[in-house]
Amino acid sequence: MHVPTFTDLLARLAPGTVATHAVDEALLRDAQANGHAHPAIVGRVQAAVRALADQGARVVLCTCSTVGGAAEATPTAGTFTAARIDRAMADRAVELGPRVLVVAALQSTLAPTAALIAESAHRLGRPVQLRQHWVEGAWAHFEAGQREAYQRTIADAVRAAVGDAGVVVLAQASMAGEADALHDL
């Protein structure tokens, strides 16, 4: 869904990196319907990760927060690296915390992102007070290609929900554009 976003990021941050993008929208829909930890979902994610490694990928980076945990947990036998894009974000949120607000346009992203932040807090030995906020209706704008409405809906929801949070985590790559609009928080 975000191939141009990640192509641009790679060109800017790691020029010359050869990348293959694999998008499985049906997998995301199934994860939304059945849960990110459902054995069938985990199996499909890990099969997709292994397939990319079998095609020669040395690093498989999952950019989907909903299924990132399953991707990262793929057994690699030391032949490739399986990673999730949001791990560094979770670590940074914990470092800046302790009051963290996780905001997502997809309800299915909240639980895996909260679990990742809790895991980071445990690993880093830092306390965290986590709140979650689903921006109901925002994803419909994204799917309809209504970028301005998507951004406005998310920005308005963050402003309404921020409260005493010291850190706001925009839990999906599709939300990155909203960060600039929220710098004043």
C-alpha atoms as a PDB file:
ATOM      1  CA  MET A   1       0.000   0.000   0.000  1.00  0.00           C
ATOM      2  CA  HIS A   2       2.896   2.346   0.712  1.00  0.00           C
ATOM      3  CA  VAL A   3       5.434   1.229  -1.879  1.00  0.00           C
ATOM      4  CA  PRO A   4       6.173   4.802  -3.076  1.00  0.00           C
ATOM      5  CA  THR A   5       6.646   5.969   0.528  1.00  0.00           C
ATOM      6  CA  PHE A   6       9.225   3.295   1.274  1.00  0.00           C
ATOM      7  CA  THR A   7      10.896   3.579  -2.129  1.00  0.00           C
ATOM      8  CA  ASP A   8      11.455   7.288  -1.439  1.00  0.00           C
ATOM      9  CA  LEU A   9      12.754   6.577   2.074  1.00  0.00           C
ATOM     10  CA  LEU A  10      15.224   4.000   0.799  1.00  0.00           C
ATOM     11  CA  ALA A  11      16.458   6.314  -1.937  1.00  0.00           C
ATOM     12  CA  ARG A  12      17.045   9.051   0.614  1.00  0.00           C
ATOM     13  CA  LEU A  13      18.433   7.013   3.525  1.00  0.00           C
ATOM     14  CA  ALA A  14      20.164   4.121   1.761  1.00  0.00           C
ATOM     15  CA  PRO A  15      20.866   5.078  -1.855  1.00  0.00           C
ATOM     16  CA  GLY A  16      21.634   2.113  -4.054  1.00  0.00           C
ATOM     17  CA  THR A  17      19.798  -0.382  -1.867  1.00  0.00           C
ATOM     18  CA  VAL A  18      17.992  -2.933  -3.982  1.00  0.00           C
ATOM     19  CA  ALA A  19      14.502  -3.582  -2.661  1.00  0.00           C
ATOM     20  CA  THR A  20      11.634  -5.849  -3.533  1.00  0.00           C
ATOM     21  CA  HIS A  21       8.228  -4.837  -2.216  1.00  0.00           C
ATOM     22  CA  ALA A  22       5.582  -7.447  -1.471  1.00  0.00           C
ATOM     23  CA  VAL A  23       2.070  -6.273  -0.637  1.00  0.00           C
ATOM     24  CA  ASP A  24      -0.704  -8.644   0.416  1.00  0.00           C
ATOM     25  CA  GLU A  25      -3.839  -6.610   1.077  1.00  0.00           C
ATOM     26  CA  ALA A  26      -5.885  -9.775   1.619  1.00  0.00           C
ATOM     27  CA  LEU A  27      -3.570 -10.740   4.474  1.00  0.00           C
ATOM     28  CA  LEU A  28      -4.173  -7.403   6.196  1.00  0.00           C
ATOM     29  CA  ARG A  29      -7.943  -7.794   5.769  1.00  0.00           C
ATOM     30  CA  ASP A  30      -7.752 -11.313   7.211  1.00  0.00           C
ATOM     31  CA  ALA A  31      -5.625 -10.091  10.137  1.00  0.00           C
ATOM     32  CA  GLN A  32      -8.220  -7.408  10.822  1.00  0.00           C
ATOM     33  CA  ALA A  33     -10.994 -10.004  10.792  1.00  0.00           C
ATOM     34  CA  ASN A  34      -9.234 -12.815  12.676  1.00  0.00           C
ATOM     35  CA  GLY A  35      -6.609 -11.073  14.795  1.00  0.00           C
ATOM     36  CA  HIS A  36      -2.904 -10.540  14.258  1.00  0.00           C
ATOM     37  CA  ALA A  37      -1.953 -13.520  16.455  1.00  0.00           C
ATOM     38  CA  HIS A  38      -4.291 -16.057  14.825  1.00  0.00           C
ATOM     39  CA  PRO A  39      -2.180 -19.108  13.895  1.00  0.00           C
ATOM     40  CA  ALA A  40      -3.275 -18.974  10.255  1.00  0.00           C
ATOM     41  CA  ILE A  41      -2.292 -15.294  10.011  1.00  0.00           C
ATOM     42  CA  VAL A  42       1.080 -15.890  11.680  1.00  0.00           C
ATOM     43  CA  GLY A  43       1.694 -18.830   9.340  1.00  0.00           C
ATOM     44  CA  ARG A  44       0.887 -16.792   6.242  1.00  0.00           C
ATOM     45  CA  VAL A  45       3.071 -13.883   7.356  1.00  0.00           C
ATOM     46  CA  GLN A  46       6.006 -16.142   8.124  1.00  0.00           C
ATOM     47  CA  ALA A  47       5.582 -18.041   4.849  1.00  0.00           C
ATOM     48  CA  ALA A  48       5.700 -14.720   2.981  1.00  0.00           C
ATOM     49  CA  VAL A  49       8.844 -13.674   4.870  1.00  0.00           C
ATOM     50  CA  ARG A  50      10.549 -17.008   4.114  1.00  0.00           C
ATOM     51  CA  ALA A  51       9.522 -16.766   0.451  1.00  0.00           C
ATOM     52  CA  LEU A  52      11.259 -13.390   0.155  1.00  0.00           C
ATOM     53  CA  ALA A  53      14.360 -14.826   1.823  1.00  0.00           C
ATOM     54  CA  ASP A  54      14.242 -17.793  -0.554  1.00  0.00           C
ATOM     55  CA  GLN A  55      14.281 -15.284  -3.420  1.00  0.00           C
ATOM     56  CA  GLY A  56      17.542 -13.871  -2.070  1.00  0.00           C
ATOM     57  CA  ALA A  57      16.553 -11.203   0.447  1.00  0.00           C
ATOM     58  CA  ARG A  58      19.140 -10.854   3.219  1.00  0.00           C
ATOM     59  CA  VAL A  59      16.825  -8.589   5.214  1.00  0.00           C
ATOM     60  CA  VAL A  60      13.038  -8.761   5.219  1.00  0.00           C
ATOM     61  CA  LEU A  61      11.537  -5.652   6.795  1.00  0.00           C
ATOM     62  CA  CYS A  62       7.826  -5.778   7.560  1.00  0.00           C
ATOM     63  CA  THR A  63       6.321  -2.303   7.322  1.00  0.00           C
ATOM     64  CA  CYS A  64       2.890  -3.321   8.615  1.00  0.00           C
ATOM     65  CA  SER A  65       2.401  -2.721  12.341  1.00  0.00           C
ATOM     66  CA  THR A  66      -0.509  -5.143  12.490  1.00  0.00           C
ATOM     67  CA  VAL A  67       1.522  -8.212  11.429  1.00  0.00           C
ATOM     68  CA  GLY A  68       5.043  -6.969  12.211  1.00  0.00           C
ATOM     69  CA  GLY A  69       5.371  -9.176  15.287  1.00  0.00           C
ATOM     70  CA  ALA A  70       4.691 -12.326  13.288  1.00  0.00           C
ATOM     71  CA  ALA A  71       7.203 -11.251  10.646  1.00  0.00           C
ATOM     72  CA  GLU A  72       9.891 -10.482  13.212  1.00  0.00           C
ATOM     73  CA  ALA A  73       9.342 -13.859  14.916  1.00  0.00           C
ATOM     74  CA  THR A  74       9.961 -15.800  11.696  1.00  0.00           C
ATOM     75  CA  PRO A  75      12.601 -18.495  12.286  1.00  0.00           C
ATOM     76  CA  THR A  76      15.589 -17.530  10.129  1.00  0.00           C
ATOM     77  CA  ALA A  77      18.205 -20.192  10.947  1.00  0.00           C
ATOM     78  CA  GLY A  78      20.711 -17.345  10.725  1.00  0.00           C
ATOM     79  CA  THR A  79      20.369 -17.097   6.944  1.00  0.00           C
ATOM     80  CA  PHE A  80      18.556 -13.754   6.846  1.00  0.00           C
ATOM     81  CA  THR A  81      17.212 -11.062   9.152  1.00  0.00           C
ATOM     82  CA  ALA A  82      13.487 -10.613   9.744  1.00  0.00           C
ATOM     83  CA  ALA A  83      12.589  -7.250  11.267  1.00  0.00           C
ATOM     84  CA  ARG A  84       9.657  -4.940  11.851  1.00  0.00           C
ATOM     85  CA  ILE A  85       9.777  -1.267  11.000  1.00  0.00           C
ATOM     86  CA  ASP A  86       8.116  -0.047  14.194  1.00  0.00           C
ATOM     87  CA  ARG A  87      10.542  -1.502  16.780  1.00  0.00           C
ATOM     88  CA  ALA A  88      12.760   1.601  16.898  1.00  0.00           C
ATOM     89  CA  MET A  89       9.648   3.772  17.206  1.00  0.00           C
ATOM     90  CA  ALA A  90       8.468   1.748  20.204  1.00  0.00           C
ATOM     91  CA  ASP A  91      11.875   1.936  21.863  1.00  0.00           C
ATOM     92  CA  ARG A  92      12.007   5.693  21.357  1.00  0.00           C
ATOM     93  CA  ALA A  93       8.483   6.159  22.735  1.00  0.00           C
ATOM     94  CA  VAL A  94       9.481   4.284  25.893  1.00  0.00           C
ATOM     95  CA  GLU A  95      12.676   6.337  26.234  1.00  0.00           C
ATOM     96  CA  LEU A  96      10.682   9.580  25.946  1.00  0.00           C
ATOM     97  CA  GLY A  97       7.709   8.355  28.023  1.00  0.00           C
ATOM     98  CA  PRO A  98       6.357   7.347  30.402  1.00  0.00           C
ATOM     99  CA  ARG A  99       2.931   8.658  29.264  1.00  0.00           C
ATOM    100  CA  VAL A 100       2.411   7.262  25.752  1.00  0.00           C
ATOM    101  CA  LEU A 101      -0.659   7.639  23.536  1.00  0.00           C
ATOM    102  CA  VAL A 102      -0.889   5.160  20.648  1.00  0.00           C
ATOM    103  CA  VAL A 103      -3.109   6.358  17.798  1.00  0.00           C
ATOM    104  CA  ALA A 104      -4.197   4.114  14.916  1.00  0.00           C
ATOM    105  CA  ALA A 105      -6.516   4.390  11.944  1.00  0.00           C
ATOM    106  CA  LEU A 106      -6.958   0.616  11.950  1.00  0.00           C
ATOM    107  CA  GLN A 107      -8.278  -0.852  15.168  1.00  0.00           C
ATOM    108  CA  SER A 108      -6.325  -4.050  14.445  1.00  0.00           C
ATOM    109  CA  THR A 109      -3.066  -2.106  14.808  1.00  0.00           C
ATOM    110  CA  LEU A 110      -3.654  -1.046  18.422  1.00  0.00           C
ATOM    111  CA  ALA A 111      -3.066  -4.377  20.194  1.00  0.00           C
ATOM    112  CA  PRO A 112       0.164  -5.321  18.383  1.00  0.00           C
ATOM    113  CA  THR A 113       1.569  -1.810  18.792  1.00  0.00           C
ATOM    114  CA  ALA A 114       0.676  -1.718  22.485  1.00  0.00           C
ATOM    115  CA  ALA A 115       2.284  -5.141  22.942  1.00  0.00           C
ATOM    116  CA  LEU A 116       5.433  -3.940  21.184  1.00  0.00           C
ATOM    117  CA  ILE A 117       5.668  -0.849  23.390  1.00  0.00           C
ATOM    118  CA  ALA A 118       5.119  -2.961  26.524  1.00  0.00           C
ATOM    119  CA  GLU A 119       7.847  -5.333  25.345  1.00  0.00           C
ATOM    120  CA  SER A 120      10.195  -2.390  24.749  1.00  0.00           C
ATOM    121  CA  ALA A 121       9.429  -1.014  28.212  1.00  0.00           C
ATOM    122  CA  HIS A 122      10.215  -4.374  29.790  1.00  0.00           C
ATOM    123  CA  ARG A 123      13.430  -4.836  27.787  1.00  0.00           C
ATOM    124  CA  LEU A 124      14.594  -1.288  28.536  1.00  0.00           C
ATOM    125  CA  GLY A 125      13.537  -1.495  32.198  1.00  0.00           C
ATOM    126  CA  ARG A 126      11.406   1.639  31.925  1.00  0.00           C
ATOM    127  CA  PRO A 127       7.863   2.242  33.184  1.00  0.00           C
ATOM    128  CA  VAL A 128       5.201   3.144  30.660  1.00  0.00           C
ATOM    129  CA  GLN A 129       1.629   4.373  31.018  1.00  0.00           C
ATOM    130  CA  LEU A 130      -0.025   3.449  27.759  1.00  0.00           C
ATOM    131  CA  ARG A 131      -3.294   4.751  26.339  1.00  0.00           C
ATOM    132  CA  GLN A 132      -4.730   3.734  22.980  1.00  0.00           C
ATOM    133  CA  HIS A 133      -6.965   5.642  20.602  1.00  0.00           C
ATOM    134  CA  TRP A 134      -8.601   4.289  17.460  1.00  0.00           C
ATOM    135  CA  VAL A 135      -9.541   6.975  14.931  1.00  0.00           C
ATOM    136  CA  GLU A 136     -12.818   5.474  13.791  1.00  0.00           C
ATOM    137  CA  GLY A 137     -13.625   6.226  10.164  1.00  0.00           C
ATOM    138  CA  ALA A 138     -10.141   7.430   9.220  1.00  0.00           C
ATOM    139  CA  TRP A 139      -9.159   4.282   7.325  1.00  0.00           C
ATOM    140  CA  ALA A 140     -12.145   4.656   4.994  1.00  0.00           C
ATOM    141  CA  HIS A 141     -10.687   8.006   3.892  1.00  0.00           C
ATOM    142  CA  PHE A 142      -7.308   6.372   3.265  1.00  0.00           C
ATOM    143  CA  GLU A 143      -8.801   3.540   1.229  1.00  0.00           C
ATOM    144  CA  ALA A 144     -10.843   6.036  -0.812  1.00  0.00           C
ATOM    145  CA  GLY A 145      -7.697   8.020  -1.627  1.00  0.00           C
ATOM    146  CA  GLN A 146      -8.954  11.030   0.346  1.00  0.00           C
ATOM    147  CA  ARG A 147      -5.547  11.969   1.739  1.00  0.00           C
ATOM    148  CA  GLU A 148      -6.536  15.410   3.075  1.00  0.00           C
ATOM    149  CA  ALA A 149      -9.594  14.047   4.892  1.00  0.00           C
ATOM    150  CA  TYR A 150      -7.481  11.196   6.276  1.00  0.00           C
ATOM    151  CA  GLN A 151      -4.829  13.562   7.604  1.00  0.00           C
ATOM    152  CA  ARG A 152      -7.353  16.032   9.006  1.00  0.00           C
ATOM    153  CA  THR A 153      -9.341  13.275  10.743  1.00  0.00           C
ATOM    154  CA  ILE A 154      -6.218  11.887  12.385  1.00  0.00           C
ATOM    155  CA  ALA A 155      -4.826  15.281  13.404  1.00  0.00           C
ATOM    156  CA  ASP A 156      -8.172  16.283  14.942  1.00  0.00           C
ATOM    157  CA  ALA A 157      -8.414  12.972  16.806  1.00  0.00           C
ATOM    158  CA  VAL A 158      -4.884  13.269  18.188  1.00  0.00           C
ATOM    159  CA  ARG A 159      -5.545  16.796  19.418  1.00  0.00           C
ATOM    160  CA  ALA A 160      -8.746  15.635  21.139  1.00  0.00           C
ATOM    161  CA  ALA A 161      -7.136  12.561  22.730  1.00  0.00           C
ATOM    162  CA  VAL A 162      -3.640  13.769  23.667  1.00  0.00           C
ATOM    163  CA  GLY A 163      -4.476  14.806  27.236  1.00  0.00           C
ATOM    164  CA  ASP A 164      -1.381  14.493  29.416  1.00  0.00           C
ATOM    165  CA  ALA A 165       0.503  12.192  27.038  1.00  0.00           C
ATOM    166  CA  GLY A 166       4.153  13.091  26.698  1.00  0.00           C
ATOM    167  CA  VAL A 167       4.553  10.964  23.581  1.00  0.00           C
ATOM    168  CA  VAL A 168       2.147  10.340  20.706  1.00  0.00           C
ATOM    169  CA  VAL A 169       2.802   7.236  18.611  1.00  0.00           C
ATOM    170  CA  LEU A 170       1.244   7.307  15.148  1.00  0.00           C
ATOM    171  CA  ALA A 171       1.056   3.548  14.805  1.00  0.00           C
ATOM    172  CA  GLN A 172       0.876   3.190  11.023  1.00  0.00           C
ATOM    173  CA  ALA A 173       3.212   4.245   8.227  1.00  0.00           C
ATOM    174  CA  SER A 174       0.243   5.806   6.456  1.00  0.00           C
ATOM    175  CA  MET A 175       0.030   8.307   9.319  1.00  0.00           C
ATOM    176  CA  ALA A 176       3.570   9.676   8.945  1.00  0.00           C
ATOM    177  CA  GLY A 177       2.348  12.764   7.105  1.00  0.00           C
ATOM    178  CA  GLU A 178       0.406  13.862  10.163  1.00  0.00           C
ATOM    179  CA  ALA A 179       3.534  14.209  12.302  1.00  0.00           C
ATOM    180  CA  ASP A 180       4.373  17.603  10.790  1.00  0.00           C
ATOM    181  CA  ALA A 181       0.873  18.891  11.495  1.00  0.00           C
ATOM    182  CA  LEU A 182       1.214  17.956  15.171  1.00  0.00           C
ATOM    183  CA  HIS A 183       4.610  19.455  16.067  1.00  0.00           C
ATOM    184  CA  ASP A 184       2.981  22.053  18.305  1.00  0.00           C
ATOM    185  CA  LEU A 185       1.696  19.453  20.795  1.00  0.00           C
END
